[in-house]
Every structure is written in structure tokens, then in C-alpha cells.
């Protein structure tokens, strides 16, 4: 089912690209909307729908339906793409003391008494 929808979706992608490229451009009509005296509406009159316009609408509807269908079907099989981390078995026992300089003893909480001066 998913493979058939994916194939149909890709075919609709190519079809909509080809049909849109075959249609005549409307870019020249937009210039009349911004100051042209002959414009009837903001973007000109639509006129009668052509055969390519109807086909474009049908292909766009099928494309949208296949997009939604694939999204819904793909949500059911959603899972993590991250693999489980490999747990390494320790080969040697963990050292009890950190490897590095010997730990220092903490400083006393009360300050030490000053040494008496010699000769007093």
C-alpha cells in the first residue's frame, strides 16, 4: 500500500511540474494590475478555465491526497533511527583512586597561630 502510494505520489510530482511548465505565463498581466488602465480586477480577469487548468487542479488534488495519506501511514511506523548504544564490558577493575597527583589535605578551618619571634 505504501509503495503504491509512493509511486503514485512521485508520478503526480512529475505531472504537476510538467503541466505547470506547459502553461502560458501570466506575468505580463500582473503589470496591468498596478496602474494599467485596462485591468478589471486586482490580478485581471480569470477568463474561462482551460483544459490545462482543469488538469492542474485534478493533479494537485491527487498530489495533496497522496501527501496526507503517506504522512498518516508513515506516522504508524515511526520509530527511533538512533541505534542503542553499545555497552562495553569493563575489562579491568575500576581504580579506587583517581590517576593523577596525590590528593591534598584540606586547609584547616581556623587560621594557624603566628610563630613567636626569636629572642623574646
PDB file of N, CA and C in Angstrom:
ATOM      1  N   UNK A   1       0.830  -1.200   0.000  1.00  0.00           N
ATOM      2  CA  UNK A   1       0.000   0.000   0.000  1.00  0.00           C
ATOM      3  C   UNK A   1       0.868   1.255   0.000  1.00  0.00           C
ATOM      4  N   UNK A   2       1.868   1.244   0.877  1.00  0.00           N
ATOM      5  CA  UNK A   2       2.733   2.420   0.971  1.00  0.00           C
ATOM      6  C   UNK A   2       3.554   2.570  -0.303  1.00  0.00           C
ATOM      7  N   UNK A   3       3.995   1.452  -0.867  1.00  0.00           N
ATOM      8  CA  UNK A   3       4.798   1.519  -2.089  1.00  0.00           C
ATOM      9  C   UNK A   3       3.955   2.050  -3.243  1.00  0.00           C
ATOM     10  N   UNK A   4       2.711   1.598  -3.353  1.00  0.00           N
ATOM     11  CA  UNK A   4       1.822   2.078  -4.420  1.00  0.00           C
ATOM     12  C   UNK A   4       1.543   3.568  -4.262  1.00  0.00           C
ATOM     13  N   UNK A   5       1.312   4.019  -3.040  1.00  0.00           N
ATOM     14  CA  UNK A   5       1.077   5.450  -2.809  1.00  0.00           C
ATOM     15  C   UNK A   5       2.325   6.274  -3.111  1.00  0.00           C
ATOM     16  N   UNK A   6       3.482   5.737  -2.770  1.00  0.00           N
ATOM     17  CA  UNK A   6       4.724   6.459  -3.041  1.00  0.00           C
ATOM     18  C   UNK A   6       4.960   6.591  -4.542  1.00  0.00           C
ATOM     19  N   UNK A   7       4.708   5.527  -5.289  1.00  0.00           N
ATOM     20  CA  UNK A   7       4.865   5.587  -6.747  1.00  0.00           C
ATOM     21  C   UNK A   7       3.881   6.582  -7.347  1.00  0.00           C
ATOM     22  N   UNK A   8       2.626   6.541  -6.902  1.00  0.00           N
ATOM     23  CA  UNK A   8       1.623   7.495  -7.387  1.00  0.00           C
ATOM     24  C   UNK A   8       2.005   8.922  -7.027  1.00  0.00           C
ATOM     25  N   UNK A   9       2.539   9.114  -5.836  1.00  0.00           N
ATOM     26  CA  UNK A   9       2.943  10.445  -5.379  1.00  0.00           C
ATOM     27  C   UNK A   9       4.078  10.999  -6.247  1.00  0.00           C
ATOM     28  N   UNK A  10       5.063  10.163  -6.559  1.00  0.00           N
ATOM     29  CA  UNK A  10       6.179  10.616  -7.398  1.00  0.00           C
ATOM     30  C   UNK A  10       5.693  10.927  -8.809  1.00  0.00           C
ATOM     31  N   UNK A  11       4.789  10.112  -9.325  1.00  0.00           N
ATOM     32  CA  UNK A  11       4.233  10.396 -10.651  1.00  0.00           C
ATOM     33  C   UNK A  11       3.455  11.714 -10.661  1.00  0.00           C
ATOM     34  N   UNK A  12       2.714  11.983  -9.594  1.00  0.00           N
ATOM     35  CA  UNK A  12       1.983  13.246  -9.513  1.00  0.00           C
ATOM     36  C   UNK A  12       2.945  14.434  -9.392  1.00  0.00           C
ATOM     37  N   UNK A  13       4.081  14.213  -8.725  1.00  0.00           N
ATOM     38  CA  UNK A  13       5.089  15.277  -8.639  1.00  0.00           C
ATOM     39  C   UNK A  13       5.571  15.670 -10.027  1.00  0.00           C
ATOM     40  N   UNK A  14       5.953  14.653 -10.805  1.00  0.00           N
ATOM     41  CA  UNK A  14       6.441  14.934 -12.150  1.00  0.00           C
ATOM     42  C   UNK A  14       5.337  15.511 -13.036  1.00  0.00           C
ATOM     43  N   UNK A  15       4.111  15.018 -12.877  1.00  0.00           N
ATOM     44  CA  UNK A  15       2.999  15.507 -13.690  1.00  0.00           C
ATOM     45  C   UNK A  15       2.700  16.977 -13.401  1.00  0.00           C
ATOM     46  N   UNK A  16       2.685  17.343 -12.134  1.00  0.00           N
ATOM     47  CA  UNK A  16       2.363  18.737 -11.809  1.00  0.00           C
ATOM     48  C   UNK A  16       3.477  19.679 -12.269  1.00  0.00           C
ATOM     49  N   UNK A  17       4.720  19.217 -12.202  1.00  0.00           N
ATOM     50  CA  UNK A  17       5.822  20.047 -12.711  1.00  0.00           C
ATOM     51  C   UNK A  17       5.684  20.247 -14.213  1.00  0.00           C
ATOM     52  N   UNK A  18       5.409  19.163 -14.943  1.00  0.00           N
ATOM     53  CA  UNK A  18       5.290  19.251 -16.399  1.00  0.00           C
ATOM     54  C   UNK A  18       4.100  20.114 -16.816  1.00  0.00           C
ATOM     55  N   UNK A  19       2.976  19.955 -16.145  1.00  0.00           N
ATOM     56  CA  UNK A  19       1.778  20.707 -16.528  1.00  0.00           C
ATOM     57  C   UNK A  19       1.956  22.198 -16.244  1.00  0.00           C
ATOM     58  N   UNK A  20       2.561  22.521 -15.133  1.00  0.00           N
ATOM     59  CA  UNK A  20       2.770  23.939 -14.807  1.00  0.00           C
ATOM     60  C   UNK A  20       3.745  24.569 -15.796  1.00  0.00           C
ATOM     61  N   UNK A  21       4.756  23.824 -16.196  1.00  0.00           N
ATOM     62  CA  UNK A  21       5.706  24.376 -17.171  1.00  0.00           C
ATOM     63  C   UNK A  21       5.090  24.526 -18.555  1.00  0.00           C
ATOM     64  N   UNK A  22       4.077  23.727 -18.897  1.00  0.00           N
ATOM     65  CA  UNK A  22       3.425  23.834 -20.193  1.00  0.00           C
ATOM     66  C   UNK A  22       2.474  25.024 -20.292  1.00  0.00           C
ATOM     67  N   UNK A  23       1.993  25.507 -19.166  1.00  0.00           N
ATOM     68  CA  UNK A  23       1.017  26.598 -19.199  1.00  0.00           C
ATOM     69  C   UNK A  23       1.693  27.907 -19.571  1.00  0.00           C
ATOM     70  N   UNK A  24       0.899  28.785 -20.150  1.00  0.00           N
ATOM     71  CA  UNK A  24       1.429  30.101 -20.520  1.00  0.00           C
ATOM     72  C   UNK A  24       1.552  30.962 -19.273  1.00  0.00           C
ATOM     73  N   UNK A  25       2.550  31.817 -19.261  1.00  0.00           N
ATOM     74  CA  UNK A  25       2.789  32.660 -18.102  1.00  0.00           C
ATOM     75  C   UNK A  25       1.786  33.779 -17.990  1.00  0.00           C
ATOM     76  N   UNK A  26       1.501  34.172 -16.772  1.00  0.00           N
ATOM     77  CA  UNK A  26       0.567  35.271 -16.523  1.00  0.00           C
ATOM     78  C   UNK A  26       1.315  36.501 -16.013  1.00  0.00           C
ATOM     79  N   UNK A  27       2.622  36.520 -16.118  1.00  0.00           N
ATOM     80  CA  UNK A  27       3.414  37.611 -15.570  1.00  0.00           C
ATOM     81  C   UNK A  27       3.140  38.949 -16.223  1.00  0.00           C
ATOM     82  N   UNK A  28       2.815  38.957 -17.499  1.00  0.00           N
ATOM     83  CA  UNK A  28       2.554  40.218 -18.184  1.00  0.00           C
ATOM     84  C   UNK A  28       1.244  40.843 -17.722  1.00  0.00           C
ATOM     85  N   UNK A  29       0.296  40.034 -17.310  1.00  0.00           N
ATOM     86  CA  UNK A  29      -0.996  40.563 -16.864  1.00  0.00           C
ATOM     87  C   UNK A  29      -0.898  41.230 -15.499  1.00  0.00           C
ATOM     88  N   UNK A  30       0.051  40.837 -14.685  1.00  0.00           N
ATOM     89  CA  UNK A  30       0.171  41.424 -13.356  1.00  0.00           C
ATOM     90  C   UNK A  30       0.605  42.885 -13.450  1.00  0.00           C
ATOM     91  N   UNK A  31       1.372  43.215 -14.460  1.00  0.00           N
ATOM     92  CA  UNK A  31       1.812  44.605 -14.619  1.00  0.00           C
ATOM     93  C   UNK A  31       0.649  45.552 -14.842  1.00  0.00           C
ATOM     94  N   UNK A  32      -0.416  45.085 -15.486  1.00  0.00           N
ATOM     95  CA  UNK A  32      -1.572  45.950 -15.718  1.00  0.00           C
ATOM     96  C   UNK A  32      -2.370  46.175 -14.432  1.00  0.00           C
ATOM     97  N   UNK A  33      -2.199  45.307 -13.447  1.00  0.00           N
ATOM     98  CA  UNK A  33      -2.946  45.451 -12.202  1.00  0.00           C
ATOM     99  C   UNK A  33      -2.413  46.611 -11.373  1.00  0.00           C
ATOM    100  N   UNK A  34      -1.177  46.991 -11.570  1.00  0.00           N
ATOM    101  CA  UNK A  34      -0.580  48.055 -10.777  1.00  0.00           C
ATOM    102  C   UNK A  34      -0.443  49.321 -11.617  1.00  0.00           C
ATOM    103  N   UNK A  35      -1.555  49.840 -12.056  1.00  0.00           N
ATOM    104  CA  UNK A  35      -1.535  51.117 -12.745  1.00  0.00           C
ATOM    105  C   UNK A  35      -1.992  51.043 -14.184  1.00  0.00           C
ATOM    106  N   UNK A  36      -2.281  49.876 -14.684  1.00  0.00           N
ATOM    107  CA  UNK A  36      -2.775  49.757 -16.051  1.00  0.00           C
ATOM    108  C   UNK A  36      -4.230  50.172 -16.122  1.00  0.00           C
ATOM    109  N   UNK A  37      -4.625  50.810 -17.212  1.00  0.00           N
ATOM    110  CA  UNK A  37      -5.993  51.313 -17.327  1.00  0.00           C
ATOM    111  C   UNK A  37      -6.992  50.220 -17.665  1.00  0.00           C
ATOM    112  N   UNK A  38      -6.539  49.110 -18.230  1.00  0.00           N
ATOM    113  CA  UNK A  38      -7.479  48.095 -18.686  1.00  0.00           C
ATOM    114  C   UNK A  38      -7.738  46.975 -17.697  1.00  0.00           C
ATOM    115  N   UNK A  39      -7.259  47.064 -16.474  1.00  0.00           N
ATOM    116  CA  UNK A  39      -7.453  45.946 -15.543  1.00  0.00           C
ATOM    117  C   UNK A  39      -8.859  45.978 -14.962  1.00  0.00           C
ATOM    118  N   UNK A  40      -9.494  44.801 -14.893  1.00  0.00           N
ATOM    119  CA  UNK A  40     -10.845  44.716 -14.361  1.00  0.00           C
ATOM    120  C   UNK A  40     -10.841  44.330 -12.888  1.00  0.00           C
ATOM    121  N   UNK A  41      -9.836  43.582 -12.447  1.00  0.00           N
ATOM    122  CA  UNK A  41      -9.729  43.168 -11.056  1.00  0.00           C
ATOM    123  C   UNK A  41      -8.289  43.391 -10.620  1.00  0.00           C
ATOM    124  N   UNK A  42      -7.966  43.004  -9.429  1.00  0.00           N
ATOM    125  CA  UNK A  42      -6.615  43.230  -8.927  1.00  0.00           C
ATOM    126  C   UNK A  42      -5.591  42.505  -9.793  1.00  0.00           C
ATOM    127  N   UNK A  43      -5.864  41.254 -10.132  1.00  0.00           N
ATOM    128  CA  UNK A  43      -4.930  40.486 -10.957  1.00  0.00           C
ATOM    129  C   UNK A  43      -5.514  40.178 -12.326  1.00  0.00           C
ATOM    130  N   UNK A  44      -6.441  40.963 -12.793  1.00  0.00           N
ATOM    131  CA  UNK A  44      -7.026  40.760 -14.107  1.00  0.00           C
ATOM    132  C   UNK A  44      -8.136  39.713 -14.056  1.00  0.00           C
ATOM    133  N   UNK A  45      -8.883  39.606 -15.128  1.00  0.00           N
ATOM    134  CA  UNK A  45      -9.972  38.640 -15.146  1.00  0.00           C
ATOM    135  C   UNK A  45      -9.406  37.239 -15.366  1.00  0.00           C
ATOM    136  N   UNK A  46     -10.050  36.262 -14.770  1.00  0.00           N
ATOM    137  CA  UNK A  46      -9.579  34.891 -14.867  1.00  0.00           C
ATOM    138  C   UNK A  46      -9.914  34.287 -16.226  1.00  0.00           C
ATOM    139  N   UNK A  47     -11.018  34.652 -16.806  1.00  0.00           N
ATOM    140  CA  UNK A  47     -11.416  34.074 -18.082  1.00  0.00           C
ATOM    141  C   UNK A  47     -11.969  32.668 -17.885  1.00  0.00           C
ATOM    142  N   UNK A  48     -12.149  31.953 -18.978  1.00  0.00           N
ATOM    143  CA  UNK A  48     -12.665  30.587 -18.884  1.00  0.00           C
ATOM    144  C   UNK A  48     -11.515  29.643 -18.543  1.00  0.00           C
ATOM    145  N   UNK A  49     -11.800  28.652 -17.714  1.00  0.00           N
ATOM    146  CA  UNK A  49     -10.733  27.708 -17.368  1.00  0.00           C
ATOM    147  C   UNK A  49     -10.354  26.852 -18.578  1.00  0.00           C
ATOM    148  N   UNK A  50      -9.065  26.690 -18.776  1.00  0.00           N
ATOM    149  CA  UNK A  50      -8.579  25.901 -19.899  1.00  0.00           C
ATOM    150  C   UNK A  50      -8.475  24.435 -19.491  1.00  0.00           C
ATOM    151  N   UNK A  51      -8.209  23.592 -20.473  1.00  0.00           N
ATOM    152  CA  UNK A  51      -8.050  22.174 -20.200  1.00  0.00           C
ATOM    153  C   UNK A  51      -6.839  21.935 -19.296  1.00  0.00           C
ATOM    154  N   UNK A  52      -5.754  22.655 -19.549  1.00  0.00           N
ATOM    155  CA  UNK A  52      -4.568  22.507 -18.697  1.00  0.00           C
ATOM    156  C   UNK A  52      -4.845  22.979 -17.269  1.00  0.00           C
ATOM    157  N   UNK A  53      -5.678  23.985 -17.124  1.00  0.00           N
ATOM    158  CA  UNK A  53      -6.046  24.456 -15.787  1.00  0.00           C
ATOM    159  C   UNK A  53      -6.831  23.418 -15.007  1.00  0.00           C
ATOM    160  N   UNK A  54      -7.737  22.727 -15.699  1.00  0.00           N
ATOM    161  CA  UNK A  54      -8.529  21.677 -15.046  1.00  0.00           C
ATOM    162  C   UNK A  54      -7.658  20.483 -14.688  1.00  0.00           C
ATOM    163  N   UNK A  55      -6.748  20.123 -15.594  1.00  0.00           N
ATOM    164  CA  UNK A  55      -5.845  19.006 -15.308  1.00  0.00           C
ATOM    165  C   UNK A  55      -4.930  19.344 -14.139  1.00  0.00           C
ATOM    166  N   UNK A  56      -4.461  20.581 -14.090  1.00  0.00           N
ATOM    167  CA  UNK A  56      -3.603  21.018 -12.985  1.00  0.00           C
ATOM    168  C   UNK A  56      -4.335  20.902 -11.659  1.00  0.00           C
ATOM    169  N   UNK A  57      -5.594  21.291 -11.639  1.00  0.00           N
ATOM    170  CA  UNK A  57      -6.392  21.195 -10.412  1.00  0.00           C
ATOM    171  C   UNK A  57      -6.549  19.739  -9.975  1.00  0.00           C
ATOM    172  N   UNK A  58      -6.834  18.859 -10.915  1.00  0.00           N
ATOM    173  CA  UNK A  58      -7.027  17.445 -10.583  1.00  0.00           C
ATOM    174  C   UNK A  58      -5.724  16.823 -10.071  1.00  0.00           C
ATOM    175  N   UNK A  59      -4.616  17.121 -10.738  1.00  0.00           N
ATOM    176  CA  UNK A  59      -3.327  16.562 -10.320  1.00  0.00           C
ATOM    177  C   UNK A  59      -2.934  17.121  -8.950  1.00  0.00           C
ATOM    178  N   UNK A  60      -3.207  18.390  -8.705  1.00  0.00           N
ATOM    179  CA  UNK A  60      -2.886  18.981  -7.404  1.00  0.00           C
ATOM    180  C   UNK A  60      -3.704  18.347  -6.282  1.00  0.00           C
ATOM    181  N   UNK A  61      -4.959  18.025  -6.560  1.00  0.00           N
ATOM    182  CA  UNK A  61      -5.796  17.374  -5.543  1.00  0.00           C
ATOM    183  C   UNK A  61      -5.277  15.969  -5.244  1.00  0.00           C
ATOM    184  N   UNK A  62      -4.925  15.210  -6.292  1.00  0.00           N
ATOM    185  CA  UNK A  62      -4.388  13.859  -6.076  1.00  0.00           C
ATOM    186  C   UNK A  62      -3.054  13.939  -5.340  1.00  0.00           C
ATOM    187  N   UNK A  63      -2.216  14.907  -5.698  1.00  0.00           N
ATOM    188  CA  UNK A  63      -0.932  15.096  -5.021  1.00  0.00           C
ATOM    189  C   UNK A  63      -1.135  15.381  -3.532  1.00  0.00           C
ATOM    190  N   UNK A  64      -2.104  16.239  -3.214  1.00  0.00           N
ATOM    191  CA  UNK A  64      -2.372  16.572  -1.815  1.00  0.00           C
ATOM    192  C   UNK A  64      -2.892  15.361  -1.050  1.00  0.00           C
ATOM    193  N   UNK A  65      -3.774  14.601  -1.680  1.00  0.00           N
ATOM    194  CA  UNK A  65      -4.317  13.408  -1.019  1.00  0.00           C
ATOM    195  C   UNK A  65      -3.230  12.357  -0.770  1.00  0.00           C
ATOM    196  N   UNK A  66      -2.344  12.167  -1.744  1.00  0.00           N
ATOM    197  CA  UNK A  66      -1.269  11.201  -1.520  1.00  0.00           C
ATOM    198  C   UNK A  66      -0.294  11.697  -0.457  1.00  0.00           C
ATOM    199  N   UNK A  67      -0.090  13.002  -0.389  1.00  0.00           N
ATOM    200  CA  UNK A  67       0.790  13.551   0.654  1.00  0.00           C
ATOM    201  C   UNK A  67       0.224  13.279   2.042  1.00  0.00           C
ATOM    202  N   UNK A  68      -1.055  13.560   2.227  1.00  0.00           N
ATOM    203  CA  UNK A  68      -1.681  13.316   3.527  1.00  0.00           C
ATOM    204  C   UNK A  68      -1.710  11.828   3.862  1.00  0.00           C
ATOM    205  N   UNK A  69      -1.996  10.997   2.861  1.00  0.00           N
ATOM    206  CA  UNK A  69      -2.051   9.555   3.102  1.00  0.00           C
ATOM    207  C   UNK A  69      -0.694   9.011   3.515  1.00  0.00           C
ATOM    208  N   UNK A  70       0.350   9.432   2.826  1.00  0.00           N
ATOM    209  CA  UNK A  70       1.693   8.975   3.180  1.00  0.00           C
ATOM    210  C   UNK A  70       2.111   9.479   4.552  1.00  0.00           C
ATOM    211  N   UNK A  71       1.694  10.682   4.893  1.00  0.00           N
ATOM    212  CA  UNK A  71       2.026  11.208   6.222  1.00  0.00           C
ATOM    213  C   UNK A  71       1.330  10.410   7.318  1.00  0.00           C
ATOM    214  N   UNK A  72       0.076  10.060   7.099  1.00  0.00           N
ATOM    215  CA  UNK A  72      -0.658   9.278   8.104  1.00  0.00           C
ATOM    216  C   UNK A  72      -0.120   7.858   8.208  1.00  0.00           C
ATOM    217  N   UNK A  73       0.178   7.252   7.079  1.00  0.00           N
ATOM    218  CA  UNK A  73       0.708   5.887   7.104  1.00  0.00           C
ATOM    219  C   UNK A  73       2.131   5.852   7.652  1.00  0.00           C
ATOM    220  N   UNK A  74       2.886   6.878   7.404  1.00  0.00           N
ATOM    221  CA  UNK A  74       4.252   6.930   7.923  1.00  0.00           C
ATOM    222  C   UNK A  74       4.291   7.164   9.417  1.00  0.00           C
ATOM    223  N   UNK A  75       3.276   7.784   9.982  1.00  0.00           N
ATOM    224  CA  UNK A  75       3.225   8.022  11.414  1.00  0.00           C
ATOM    225  C   UNK A  75       3.056   6.750  12.213  1.00  0.00           C
ATOM    226  N   UNK A  76       2.444   5.728  11.620  1.00  0.00           N
ATOM    227  CA  UNK A  76       2.230   4.476  12.326  1.00  0.00           C
ATOM    228  C   UNK A  76       3.529   3.717  12.537  1.00  0.00           C
ATOM    229  N   UNK A  77       4.467   3.836  11.611  1.00  0.00           N
ATOM    230  CA  UNK A  77       5.699   3.098  11.752  1.00  0.00           C
ATOM    231  C   UNK A  77       6.827   3.967  12.258  1.00  0.00           C
ATOM    232  N   UNK A  78       6.517   5.046  12.883  1.00  0.00           N
ATOM    233  CA  UNK A  78       7.553   5.937  13.388  1.00  0.00           C
ATOM    234  C   UNK A  78       8.329   5.260  14.500  1.00  0.00           C
ATOM    235  N   UNK A  79       9.608   5.393  14.449  1.00  0.00           N
ATOM    236  CA  UNK A  79      10.474   4.827  15.470  1.00  0.00           C
ATOM    237  C   UNK A  79      11.772   5.594  15.482  1.00  0.00           C
ATOM    238  N   UNK A  80      12.578   5.278  16.405  1.00  0.00           N
ATOM    239  CA  UNK A  80      13.849   5.963  16.522  1.00  0.00           C
ATOM    240  C   UNK A  80      14.828   5.416  15.499  1.00  0.00           C
ATOM    241  N   UNK A  81      15.558   6.298  14.867  1.00  0.00           N
ATOM    242  CA  UNK A  81      16.590   5.877  13.931  1.00  0.00           C
ATOM    243  C   UNK A  81      17.941   5.765  14.616  1.00  0.00           C
ATOM    244  N   UNK A  82      17.979   6.130  15.876  1.00  0.00           N
ATOM    245  CA  UNK A  82      19.214   6.056  16.640  1.00  0.00           C
ATOM    246  C   UNK A  82      19.344   4.637  17.187  1.00  0.00           C
ATOM    247  N   UNK A  83      20.487   4.047  16.958  1.00  0.00           N
ATOM    248  CA  UNK A  83      20.713   2.700  17.459  1.00  0.00           C
ATOM    249  C   UNK A  83      21.025   2.759  18.941  1.00  0.00           C
ATOM    250  N   UNK A  84      20.777   1.644  19.601  1.00  0.00           N
ATOM    251  CA  UNK A  84      21.071   1.567  21.026  1.00  0.00           C
ATOM    252  C   UNK A  84      22.575   1.657  21.227  1.00  0.00           C
ATOM    253  N   UNK A  85      23.026   2.374  22.251  1.00  0.00           N
ATOM    254  CA  UNK A  85      24.469   2.472  22.476  1.00  0.00           C
ATOM    255  C   UNK A  85      25.035   1.120  22.891  1.00  0.00           C
ATOM    256  N   UNK A  86      26.210   0.825  22.378  1.00  0.00           N
ATOM    257  CA  UNK A  86      26.856  -0.439  22.708  1.00  0.00           C
ATOM    258  C   UNK A  86      27.395  -0.353  24.127  1.00  0.00           C
ATOM    259  N   UNK A  87      27.047  -1.333  24.937  1.00  0.00           N
ATOM    260  CA  UNK A  87      27.533  -1.342  26.312  1.00  0.00           C
ATOM    261  C   UNK A  87      28.838  -2.130  26.339  1.00  0.00           C
ATOM    262  N   UNK A  88      29.917  -1.469  26.693  1.00  0.00           N
ATOM    263  CA  UNK A  88      31.235  -2.102  26.741  1.00  0.00           C
ATOM    264  C   UNK A  88      31.432  -2.717  28.115  1.00  0.00           C
ATOM    265  N   UNK A  89      31.796  -3.982  28.125  1.00  0.00           N
ATOM    266  CA  UNK A  89      32.055  -4.653  29.397  1.00  0.00           C
ATOM    267  C   UNK A  89      33.414  -4.201  29.914  1.00  0.00           C
ATOM    268  N   UNK A  90      33.501  -3.852  31.180  1.00  0.00           N
ATOM    269  CA  UNK A  90      34.802  -3.395  31.696  1.00  0.00           C
ATOM    270  C   UNK A  90      35.790  -4.552  31.706  1.00  0.00           C
ATOM    271  N   UNK A  91      36.977  -4.331  31.116  1.00  0.00           N
ATOM    272  CA  UNK A  91      37.975  -5.392  31.045  1.00  0.00           C
ATOM    273  C   UNK A  91      38.880  -5.390  32.269  1.00  0.00           C
ATOM    274  N   UNK A  92      39.031  -4.259  32.900  1.00  0.00           N
ATOM    275  CA  UNK A  92      39.861  -4.164  34.106  1.00  0.00           C
ATOM    276  C   UNK A  92      39.022  -3.535  35.207  1.00  0.00           C
ATOM    277  N   UNK A  93      39.308  -3.884  36.462  1.00  0.00           N
ATOM    278  CA  UNK A  93      38.542  -3.261  37.543  1.00  0.00           C
ATOM    279  C   UNK A  93      38.829  -1.767  37.611  1.00  0.00           C
ATOM    280  N   UNK A  94      37.843  -1.029  38.007  1.00  0.00           N
ATOM    281  CA  UNK A  94      37.993   0.423  38.103  1.00  0.00           C
ATOM    282  C   UNK A  94      38.937   0.761  39.244  1.00  0.00           C
ATOM    283  N   UNK A  95      39.866   1.710  39.054  1.00  0.00           N
ATOM    284  CA  UNK A  95      40.780   2.088  40.138  1.00  0.00           C
ATOM    285  C   UNK A  95      40.022   2.800  41.245  1.00  0.00           C
ATOM    286  N   UNK A  96      40.503   2.591  42.476  1.00  0.00           N
ATOM    287  CA  UNK A  96      39.817   3.203  43.611  1.00  0.00           C
ATOM    288  C   UNK A  96      40.191   4.666  43.773  1.00  0.00           C
ATOM    289  N   UNK A  97      41.382   5.056  43.342  1.00  0.00           N
ATOM    290  CA  UNK A  97      41.817   6.447  43.445  1.00  0.00           C
ATOM    291  C   UNK A  97      42.016   6.980  42.036  1.00  0.00           C
ATOM    292  N   UNK A  98      41.765   8.262  41.846  1.00  0.00           N
ATOM    293  CA  UNK A  98      41.955   8.809  40.509  1.00  0.00           C
ATOM    294  C   UNK A  98      43.427   8.824  40.130  1.00  0.00           C
ATOM    295  N   UNK A  99      43.688   8.582  38.874  1.00  0.00           N
ATOM    296  CA  UNK A  99      45.066   8.620  38.396  1.00  0.00           C
ATOM    297  C   UNK A  99      45.459  10.070  38.212  1.00  0.00           C
ATOM    298  N   UNK A 100      46.483  10.501  38.873  1.00  0.00           N
ATOM    299  CA  UNK A 100      46.914  11.892  38.790  1.00  0.00           C
ATOM    300  C   UNK A 100      47.685  12.245  40.041  1.00  0.00           C
ATOM    301  N   UNK A 101      47.845  13.520  40.320  1.00  0.00           N
ATOM    302  CA  UNK A 101      48.578  13.910  41.526  1.00  0.00           C
ATOM    303  C   UNK A 101      47.838  13.456  42.774  1.00  0.00           C
ATOM    304  N   UNK A 102      48.595  13.233  43.797  1.00  0.00           N
ATOM    305  CA  UNK A 102      48.017  12.786  45.064  1.00  0.00           C
ATOM    306  C   UNK A 102      47.082  13.851  45.602  1.00  0.00           C
ATOM    307  N   UNK A 103      45.989  13.438  46.200  1.00  0.00           N
ATOM    308  CA  UNK A 103      45.057  14.440  46.724  1.00  0.00           C
ATOM    309  C   UNK A 103      45.690  15.203  47.890  1.00  0.00           C
ATOM    310  N   UNK A 104      45.410  16.457  47.960  1.00  0.00           N
ATOM    311  CA  UNK A 104      45.937  17.307  49.036  1.00  0.00           C
ATOM    312  C   UNK A 104      44.950  17.322  50.180  1.00  0.00           C
ATOM    313  N   UNK A 105      45.480  17.532  51.367  1.00  0.00           N
ATOM    314  CA  UNK A 105      44.611  17.622  52.540  1.00  0.00           C
ATOM    315  C   UNK A 105      44.009  19.012  52.578  1.00  0.00           C
ATOM    316  N   UNK A 106      42.795  19.100  53.007  1.00  0.00           N
ATOM    317  CA  UNK A 106      42.163  20.422  53.037  1.00  0.00           C
ATOM    318  C   UNK A 106      42.801  21.308  54.103  1.00  0.00           C
ATOM    319  N   UNK A 107      42.749  22.589  53.889  1.00  0.00           N
ATOM    320  CA  UNK A 107      43.299  23.565  54.832  1.00  0.00           C
ATOM    321  C   UNK A 107      42.449  23.567  56.092  1.00  0.00           C
ATOM    322  N   UNK A 108      43.063  23.804  57.243  1.00  0.00           N
ATOM    323  CA  UNK A 108      42.280  23.837  58.487  1.00  0.00           C
ATOM    324  C   UNK A 108      41.293  24.999  58.467  1.00  0.00           C
ATOM    325  N   UNK A 109      40.210  24.808  59.188  1.00  0.00           N
ATOM    326  CA  UNK A 109      39.161  25.815  59.207  1.00  0.00           C
ATOM    327  C   UNK A 109      39.572  27.060  59.990  1.00  0.00           C
ATOM    328  N   UNK A 110      40.432  26.904  61.057  1.00  0.00           N
ATOM    329  CA  UNK A 110      40.879  28.080  61.842  1.00  0.00           C
ATOM    330  C   UNK A 110      42.297  28.420  61.418  1.00  0.00           C
ATOM    331  N   UNK A 111      42.631  29.699  61.379  1.00  0.00           N
ATOM    332  CA  UNK A 111      43.984  30.081  60.980  1.00  0.00           C
ATOM    333  C   UNK A 111      45.001  29.660  62.033  1.00  0.00           C
ATOM    334  N   UNK A 112      46.174  29.319  61.572  1.00  0.00           N
ATOM    335  CA  UNK A 112      47.242  28.883  62.495  1.00  0.00           C
ATOM    336  C   UNK A 112      47.767  30.082  63.277  1.00  0.00           C
ATOM    337  N   UNK A 113      48.249  29.822  64.533  1.00  0.00           N
ATOM    338  CA  UNK A 113      48.824  30.888  65.369  1.00  0.00           C
ATOM    339  C   UNK A 113      50.177  31.304  64.799  1.00  0.00           C
ATOM    340  N   UNK A 114      50.483  32.579  64.799  1.00  0.00           N
ATOM    341  CA  UNK A 114      51.799  33.000  64.290  1.00  0.00           C
ATOM    342  C   UNK A 114      52.924  32.483  65.213  1.00  0.00           C
ATOM    343  N   UNK A 115      53.996  32.135  64.580  1.00  0.00           N
ATOM    344  CA  UNK A 115      55.152  31.659  65.368  1.00  0.00           C
ATOM    345  C   UNK A 115      55.739  32.807  66.180  1.00  0.00           C
ATOM    346  N   UNK A 116      56.189  32.545  67.421  1.00  0.00           N
ATOM    347  CA  UNK A 116      56.777  33.647  68.232  1.00  0.00           C
ATOM    348  C   UNK A 116      58.088  34.106  67.625  1.00  0.00           C
ATOM    349  N   UNK A 117      58.351  35.344  67.759  1.00  0.00           N
ATOM    350  CA  UNK A 117      59.583  35.934  67.225  1.00  0.00           C
ATOM    351  C   UNK A 117      60.771  35.414  68.024  1.00  0.00           C
ATOM    352  N   UNK A 118      61.930  35.164  67.433  1.00  0.00           N
ATOM    353  CA  UNK A 118      63.085  34.664  68.164  1.00  0.00           C
ATOM    354  C   UNK A 118      63.638  35.731  69.122  1.00  0.00           C
ATOM    355  N   UNK A 119      64.035  35.290  70.250  1.00  0.00           N
ATOM    356  CA  UNK A 119      64.645  36.168  71.224  1.00  0.00           C
ATOM    357  C   UNK A 119      63.647  36.830  72.147  1.00  0.00           C
ATOM    358  N   UNK A 120      62.521  36.497  72.211  1.00  0.00           N
ATOM    359  CA  UNK A 120      61.594  37.100  73.165  1.00  0.00           C
ATOM    360  C   UNK A 120      61.241  36.159  74.203  1.00  0.00           C
TER     361      UNK A 120
END
